């Protein structure tokens, strides 16, 4: 029992040194974390300040067959409380262009 009592006091300086070393490592890690948080905050600010890219800015892809006249006529018929199927049928009868129910739905959804 006496031997164990002697071992513990002998280890106190070693343990204190380890605690001191670990505290220093912790301070360095905290400093690194603060620095990285600042870097992240700066990058977020830069990202927010950049103008957002316009979707399909070159105008590539299939061109829409829906004209402004078609939109006006479809919306006029919709304000007369016609159903989507009725709008497609009436529009197709009254003009040279055929229009599908899904196209009518897209027009109405964009305008509402």
Protein backbone atom coordinates (compact mmCIF):
# COMPACT_ATOMS: atom_id res chain seq x y z
CA UNK A 1 0.00 0.00 0.00
CA UNK A 2 2.89 2.31 0.79
CA UNK A 3 4.30 1.79 -2.71
CA UNK A 4 1.09 2.98 -4.36
CA UNK A 5 1.08 6.11 -2.24
CA UNK A 6 4.60 6.94 -3.45
CA UNK A 7 3.74 6.31 -7.12
CA UNK A 8 0.85 8.79 -7.17
CA UNK A 9 2.83 11.81 -5.91
CA UNK A 10 5.62 10.99 -8.37
CA UNK A 11 3.13 11.08 -11.27
CA UNK A 12 1.57 14.42 -10.36
CA UNK A 13 4.15 16.56 -12.23
CA UNK A 14 3.89 14.30 -15.29
CA UNK A 15 0.11 14.52 -15.27
CA UNK A 16 0.23 18.29 -14.80
CA UNK A 17 2.54 18.53 -17.80
CA UNK A 18 0.13 16.43 -19.87
CA UNK A 19 -2.78 18.63 -18.83
CA UNK A 20 -0.78 21.72 -19.74
CA UNK A 21 0.11 20.25 -23.15
CA UNK A 22 -3.49 19.28 -23.83
CA UNK A 23 -4.71 22.77 -22.92
CA UNK A 24 -2.23 24.23 -25.42
CA UNK A 25 -3.44 21.85 -28.14
CA UNK A 26 -7.02 22.82 -27.31
CA UNK A 27 -6.19 26.54 -27.62
CA UNK A 28 -4.61 25.94 -31.02
CA UNK A 29 -7.61 23.93 -32.22
CA UNK A 30 -10.00 26.65 -31.00
CA UNK A 31 -7.96 29.23 -32.89
CA UNK A 32 -8.13 27.11 -36.04
CA UNK A 33 -11.89 26.67 -35.66
CA UNK A 34 -12.42 30.43 -35.26
CA UNK A 35 -10.30 31.09 -38.35
CA UNK A 36 -12.21 28.53 -40.42
CA UNK A 37 -15.56 29.94 -39.25
CA UNK A 38 -14.41 33.38 -40.45
CA UNK A 39 -13.40 31.91 -43.81
CA UNK A 40 -16.79 30.23 -44.18
CA UNK A 41 -18.61 33.47 -43.28
CA UNK A 42 -16.58 35.40 -45.88
CA UNK A 43 -17.27 32.80 -48.55
CA UNK A 44 -21.00 32.94 -47.78
CA UNK A 45 -20.96 36.73 -48.14
CA UNK A 46 -19.17 36.43 -51.48
CA UNK A 47 -21.65 33.81 -52.67
CA UNK A 48 -24.64 35.95 -51.68
CA UNK A 49 -23.19 39.05 -53.35
CA UNK A 50 -22.68 37.32 -56.72
CA UNK A 51 -25.57 37.77 -59.13
CA UNK A 52 -27.45 34.55 -59.72
CA UNK A 53 -27.10 33.04 -63.16
CA UNK A 54 -30.20 33.31 -65.32
CA UNK A 55 -31.64 29.95 -66.31
CA UNK A 56 -30.88 29.25 -69.96
CA UNK A 57 -29.32 32.66 -70.49
CA UNK A 58 -28.12 31.76 -73.99
CA UNK A 59 -31.64 30.97 -75.11
CA UNK A 60 -30.71 27.41 -75.95
CA UNK A 61 -33.28 24.69 -76.24
CA UNK A 62 -36.65 24.26 -77.81
CA UNK A 63 -38.54 27.45 -78.51
CA UNK A 64 -42.05 27.81 -77.15
CA UNK A 65 -44.92 27.52 -79.60
CA UNK A 66 -47.17 29.38 -77.20
CA UNK A 67 -47.57 32.98 -78.34
CA UNK A 68 -48.78 35.99 -76.38
CA UNK A 69 -52.01 35.91 -78.43
CA UNK A 70 -52.60 32.31 -77.39
CA UNK A 71 -52.02 33.23 -73.75
CA UNK A 72 -54.46 36.15 -73.97
CA UNK A 73 -57.15 34.01 -75.60
CA UNK A 74 -56.70 31.14 -73.13
CA UNK A 75 -56.88 33.50 -70.16
CA UNK A 76 -59.96 35.18 -71.65
CA UNK A 77 -61.68 31.80 -71.94
CA UNK A 78 -60.58 30.86 -68.43
CA UNK A 79 -62.14 34.04 -67.02
CA UNK A 80 -65.37 32.87 -68.64
CA UNK A 81 -65.13 29.84 -66.31
CA UNK A 82 -64.50 27.25 -69.02
CA UNK A 83 -62.73 24.05 -68.03
CA UNK A 84 -59.26 23.27 -69.29
CA UNK A 85 -60.60 20.66 -71.72
CA UNK A 86 -63.24 23.10 -73.00
CA UNK A 87 -60.62 25.84 -73.47
CA UNK A 88 -58.42 23.48 -75.53
CA UNK A 89 -61.38 22.41 -77.65
CA UNK A 90 -62.74 25.95 -78.21
CA UNK A 91 -59.32 27.40 -78.98
CA UNK A 92 -58.53 24.61 -81.45
CA UNK A 93 -61.87 25.14 -83.23
CA UNK A 94 -61.48 28.93 -83.44
CA UNK A 95 -57.90 29.04 -84.71
CA UNK A 96 -55.52 27.27 -87.04
CA UNK A 97 -53.35 26.12 -84.14
CA UNK A 98 -54.07 23.05 -82.07
CA UNK A 99 -53.48 23.34 -78.34
CA UNK A 100 -53.41 20.50 -75.85
CA UNK A 101 -54.99 20.39 -72.42
CA UNK A 102 -51.54 20.26 -70.85
CA UNK A 103 -50.52 23.42 -72.72
CA UNK A 104 -53.67 25.17 -71.50
CA UNK A 105 -52.89 24.04 -67.97
CA UNK A 106 -49.29 25.36 -68.22
CA UNK A 107 -50.51 28.74 -69.47
CA UNK A 108 -53.04 29.06 -66.68
CA UNK A 109 -50.58 27.90 -64.02
CA UNK A 110 -47.96 30.45 -65.12
CA UNK A 111 -50.47 33.31 -65.10
CA UNK A 112 -52.13 32.55 -61.76
